[in-house]
Structures are given as structure tokens and as C-alpha cells.
Amino acid sequence: MNPLMENNLTLYGASGHAKVIIDILCKNHVTINCIMDDNPKSDHILGFPVLKTAEVDHSKLTNVIIAIGNNRVRKLLSKRISVFFPTAIHPTAVVSQFAVLGGGTVVMAGSLINPDSRIGTHCIINTGSIVEHDCLIGDFVHISPGVSLAGGVSVGEGAHVGIGATVIQGVSIGKWAVIGAGAVIIHDVPDYAVVVGIPGKILKYNKE
């Protein structure tokens, strides 16, 4: 079991992303104490009861993972509650002993994180993605399924790298940038840029 995961763990969020995290926790034999959601669509998820956030005694919350895919919402909620945020790593993921993962980060099945990579807080390293050596991933980043980051890539806070994208070595992706599905990134990407295509080209800029 990942030593940073402890029993009596609460999930904040009851979406499809939460289902994947529930599976990770179950495979690591972690007891899920509670699943809460501000506006739950169902009172159960994968057989686990879901409570409205307002019904939960926050004074008893100790270990929480924010199980929400939206990067901005994860950032907002991380500031709302003051608890310990553990990491969750699927047993089939390969994470180097020389990599560093921030609190609240989740690593999905089949992912690879190589030595001297540093992953920020509340990140999603999704199914089958590759983070090569010496990568620097900021807080609240989502690396989607099947993404390949070559060595020395940096990804700024809140950026979203879309499914199947490839980023060549040494490239920097700016904060809150969006990389489209399947894009190939060979040049640095500015903050807030939306980049698509092969090779990647800036389509527009999101508002700050």
C-alpha cells in the first residue's frame, strides 16, 4: 500500500473521476470513510453512500482526496478545507523512488513517472500516461490518458494536456494552458494558450 494513503479517507466529489479513485483506493485496501459532494446526482456511487457536503461534520475530516476532474474546481476546493491531502497511486503504476509527488495527487493505472520528476499538488496523472525524467509538473495539472511527456518538460499550474498528446523534450507549457487531444508539441506554449494539431499551433487564448 502507498504509505501516504491512510484509512479513514474521505473523497470530495462523486463524479466519474471519483469512480477511478475509488477503484485505486480499493485496490490499495484503503477504507473509504465518506464520499461527499456539494450537489450529488445520486446517493450512491459504486455501492458507496454519497452525502451532501453540508451534512458532513468537517471537524472530523482528516484525510481528503478531491475527486473532481476540473482543475480550477480542485484548486478552489483545496483552499476551502484545511486537512491532510494524501496521494493515491494505482498498484500498476510505476513511480520512481526518486520522483516527488505533492499532496492530493492521483496516479492512475499503467502510468509511469521516471526519476527526478516533480509532480505538484492535486494533480491527475491519468491512465497509461508517461512522465519522463526531470519533468516539472505544477499544481492542479491534468495529464490525460495516453499522454507522453519527454524528459525535462515543464507544465505550469492548472494546465490540461489532452488525451494522447505528445510533448518533446525540454518544452515548457504555460499555466492554465490547454493542449488538445493528440497534439504534438514541439515549441513552448504560453500561459492560457489553447494549442491543437500536429505540430501544435495556438488556436486561441483562454481568459485568465
Protein backbone atom coordinates (compact mmCIF):
# COMPACT_ATOMS: atom_id res chain seq x y z
CA MET A 1 0.00 0.00 0.00
CA ASN A 2 1.18 3.51 -0.76
CA PRO A 3 2.43 4.77 2.63
CA LEU A 4 0.92 8.21 2.04
CA MET A 5 -2.58 6.73 1.92
CA GLU A 6 -4.28 6.07 5.22
CA ASN A 7 -7.58 4.61 6.31
CA ASN A 8 -10.46 6.86 7.32
CA LEU A 9 -10.14 8.66 4.00
CA THR A 10 -12.81 10.96 2.55
CA LEU A 11 -13.42 11.68 -1.12
CA TYR A 12 -14.68 15.13 -2.06
CA GLY A 13 -16.62 14.65 -5.28
CA ALA A 14 -18.84 11.89 -6.64
CA SER A 15 -18.33 12.03 -10.40
CA GLY A 16 -16.88 9.61 -12.92
CA HIS A 17 -13.40 10.71 -11.88
CA ALA A 18 -14.29 9.66 -8.33
CA LYS A 19 -15.06 6.14 -9.58
CA VAL A 20 -11.49 5.74 -10.77
CA ILE A 21 -10.10 6.97 -7.45
CA ILE A 22 -12.44 4.64 -5.54
CA ASP A 23 -11.01 1.75 -7.56
CA ILE A 24 -7.45 2.84 -6.71
CA LEU A 25 -8.27 3.02 -3.01
CA CYS A 26 -9.98 -0.37 -3.01
CA LYS A 27 -7.01 -1.98 -4.77
CA ASN A 28 -4.76 -0.49 -2.07
CA HIS A 29 -7.08 -1.83 0.66
CA VAL A 30 -7.86 1.67 1.90
CA THR A 31 -11.11 2.12 3.82
CA ILE A 32 -13.26 4.91 2.41
CA ASN A 33 -14.86 6.65 5.36
CA CYS A 34 -17.07 9.05 3.42
CA ILE A 35 -17.84 10.38 -0.06
CA MET A 36 -19.25 13.90 -0.12
CA ASP A 37 -20.40 16.17 -2.93
CA ASP A 38 -21.84 19.69 -2.95
CA ASN A 39 -24.59 18.66 -5.37
CA PRO A 40 -24.68 14.86 -5.59
CA LYS A 41 -26.53 13.36 -8.56
CA SER A 42 -27.04 10.08 -6.71
CA ASP A 43 -26.96 8.88 -3.13
CA HIS A 44 -24.57 6.03 -4.05
CA ILE A 45 -21.52 5.57 -6.26
CA LEU A 46 -20.10 2.09 -6.91
CA GLY A 47 -22.04 0.93 -3.87
CA PHE A 48 -20.63 3.60 -1.55
CA PRO A 49 -23.03 6.11 0.02
CA VAL A 50 -22.71 9.76 -1.01
CA LEU A 51 -23.52 12.58 1.41
CA LYS A 52 -24.13 16.24 0.73
CA THR A 53 -21.11 18.27 1.80
CA ALA A 54 -23.27 20.34 4.15
CA GLU A 55 -24.27 17.15 6.01
CA VAL A 56 -20.68 16.19 6.82
CA ASP A 57 -19.02 17.22 10.09
CA HIS A 58 -15.92 18.93 8.71
CA SER A 59 -14.28 18.99 12.13
CA LYS A 60 -13.85 15.22 11.82
CA LEU A 61 -12.26 15.29 8.37
CA THR A 62 -8.63 14.18 8.46
CA ASN A 63 -7.51 12.72 5.09
CA VAL A 64 -9.24 14.01 1.94
CA ILE A 65 -8.71 13.49 -1.78
CA ILE A 66 -10.53 15.92 -4.06
CA ALA A 67 -12.08 13.62 -6.66
CA ILE A 68 -13.04 16.23 -9.25
CA GLY A 69 -11.58 16.41 -12.74
CA ASN A 70 -11.91 20.17 -13.29
CA ASN A 71 -8.57 21.78 -12.45
CA ARG A 72 -10.00 25.12 -11.36
CA VAL A 73 -12.59 23.49 -9.11
CA ARG A 74 -9.91 21.34 -7.47
CA LYS A 75 -7.91 24.47 -6.72
CA LEU A 76 -10.94 26.24 -5.27
CA LEU A 77 -11.92 23.31 -3.05
CA SER A 78 -8.35 22.75 -1.86
CA LYS A 79 -8.45 26.25 -0.34
CA ARG A 80 -11.83 25.63 1.27
CA ILE A 81 -10.82 22.83 3.62
CA SER A 82 -7.80 22.52 5.89
CA VAL A 83 -6.89 18.82 6.09
CA PHE A 84 -4.14 16.40 5.09
CA PHE A 85 -4.25 15.59 1.37
CA PRO A 86 -2.72 12.15 0.71
CA THR A 87 -1.67 10.82 -2.68
CA ALA A 88 -3.33 7.83 -4.36
CA ILE A 89 -1.31 5.58 -6.67
CA HIS A 90 -2.71 2.63 -8.59
CA PRO A 91 -0.75 -0.60 -7.92
CA THR A 92 0.06 -0.99 -11.62
CA ALA A 93 1.56 2.49 -11.92
CA VAL A 94 5.35 2.72 -11.89
CA VAL A 95 6.59 5.67 -9.86
CA SER A 96 10.32 6.11 -9.39
CA GLN A 97 11.59 6.26 -5.82
CA PHE A 98 13.41 9.39 -6.98
CA ALA A 99 10.23 11.19 -8.09
CA VAL A 100 8.34 13.59 -5.81
CA LEU A 101 4.53 13.77 -5.68
CA GLY A 102 2.58 16.55 -3.99
CA GLY A 103 -0.38 16.03 -1.69
CA GLY A 104 -3.75 15.24 -3.25
CA THR A 105 -2.21 13.96 -6.48
CA VAL A 106 -3.65 10.78 -8.01
CA VAL A 107 -1.79 8.42 -10.35
CA MET A 108 -3.94 6.10 -12.46
CA ALA A 109 -3.38 2.57 -13.74
CA GLY A 110 -0.43 1.89 -16.03
CA SER A 111 1.16 5.32 -15.65
CA LEU A 112 4.92 5.83 -15.50
CA ILE A 113 6.74 8.59 -13.60
CA ASN A 114 10.50 8.48 -14.01
CA PRO A 115 13.36 9.73 -11.77
CA ASP A 116 13.78 13.36 -10.73
CA SER A 117 10.31 14.31 -11.91
CA ARG A 118 8.42 16.57 -9.53
CA ILE A 119 4.63 16.48 -9.55
CA GLY A 120 2.73 19.28 -7.80
CA THR A 121 -0.29 19.12 -5.51
CA HIS A 122 -3.75 17.93 -6.58
CA CYS A 123 -2.58 16.73 -9.99
CA ILE A 124 -4.11 13.96 -12.10
CA ILE A 125 -1.65 11.63 -13.84
CA ASN A 126 -4.19 9.69 -15.83
CA THR A 127 -4.32 6.17 -17.22
CA GLY A 128 -1.30 5.00 -19.20
CA SER A 129 0.44 8.38 -19.28
CA ILE A 130 4.22 8.78 -19.29
CA VAL A 131 6.10 11.45 -17.36
CA GLU A 132 9.76 11.05 -18.23
CA HIS A 133 12.81 12.01 -16.17
CA ASP A 134 13.30 15.57 -14.89
CA CYS A 135 9.79 16.76 -15.70
CA LEU A 136 8.31 19.54 -13.57
CA ILE A 137 4.53 19.46 -13.23
CA GLY A 138 2.82 22.37 -11.45
CA ASP A 139 -0.13 22.21 -9.06
CA PHE A 140 -3.65 21.29 -10.28
CA VAL A 141 -2.42 19.91 -13.62
CA HIS A 142 -4.26 17.15 -15.51
CA ILE A 143 -2.12 14.84 -17.65
CA SER A 144 -4.76 12.92 -19.61
CA PRO A 145 -4.75 9.22 -20.58
CA GLY A 146 -2.03 8.20 -23.02
CA VAL A 147 -0.06 11.45 -22.81
CA SER A 148 3.72 11.24 -23.30
CA LEU A 149 5.93 13.90 -21.76
CA ALA A 150 9.57 13.55 -22.80
CA GLY A 151 12.44 14.36 -20.45
CA GLY A 152 12.72 17.82 -18.94
CA VAL A 153 9.22 19.02 -19.86
CA SER A 154 7.64 21.60 -17.57
CA VAL A 155 3.88 22.09 -17.23
CA GLY A 156 2.52 25.17 -15.46
CA GLU A 157 -0.18 25.35 -12.82
CA GLY A 158 -3.64 24.25 -13.90
CA ALA A 159 -2.69 23.20 -17.42
CA HIS A 160 -4.58 20.38 -19.11
CA VAL A 161 -2.72 18.12 -21.54
CA GLY A 162 -5.34 16.32 -23.63
CA ILE A 163 -5.63 12.60 -24.27
CA GLY A 164 -2.86 11.11 -26.41
CA ALA A 165 -0.84 14.32 -26.72
CA THR A 166 2.95 14.17 -27.08
CA VAL A 167 5.39 16.79 -25.81
CA ILE A 168 9.04 16.65 -26.92
CA GLN A 169 11.94 17.04 -24.51
CA GLY A 170 12.64 20.35 -22.80
CA VAL A 171 9.40 22.08 -23.83
CA SER A 172 7.59 24.38 -21.39
CA ILE A 173 3.79 24.52 -21.22
CA GLY A 174 2.39 27.64 -19.56
CA LYS A 175 -0.02 27.85 -16.66
CA TRP A 176 -3.70 27.12 -17.38
CA ALA A 177 -2.85 26.23 -20.97
CA VAL A 178 -4.88 23.56 -22.78
CA ILE A 179 -3.25 21.05 -25.13
CA GLY A 180 -5.72 19.39 -27.49
CA ALA A 181 -6.16 15.66 -27.86
CA GLY A 182 -3.45 14.06 -29.98
CA ALA A 183 -1.46 17.25 -30.37
CA VAL A 184 2.31 17.12 -30.86
CA ILE A 185 4.04 19.93 -29.01
CA ILE A 186 7.49 20.90 -30.30
CA HIS A 187 7.65 24.53 -29.11
CA ASP A 188 6.99 26.27 -25.80
CA VAL A 189 3.34 27.08 -25.08
CA PRO A 190 2.42 30.44 -23.50
CA ASP A 191 0.20 30.82 -20.42
CA TYR A 192 -3.55 30.35 -21.11
CA ALA A 193 -2.97 29.26 -24.72
CA VAL A 194 -5.14 26.59 -26.36
CA VAL A 195 -2.96 24.52 -28.70
CA VAL A 196 -4.12 21.88 -31.17
CA GLY A 197 -2.76 19.91 -34.12
CA ILE A 198 0.43 18.30 -35.42
CA PRO A 199 2.61 20.18 -34.87
CA GLY A 200 0.75 22.11 -32.21
CA LYS A 201 -0.44 25.61 -33.10
CA ILE A 202 -2.16 28.20 -30.92
CA LEU A 203 -5.88 28.27 -31.61
CA LYS A 204 -6.84 30.93 -29.05
CA TYR A 205 -6.20 32.11 -25.50
CA ASN A 206 -8.44 31.42 -22.53
CA LYS A 207 -9.19 34.31 -20.21
CA GLU A 208 -7.10 34.46 -17.08
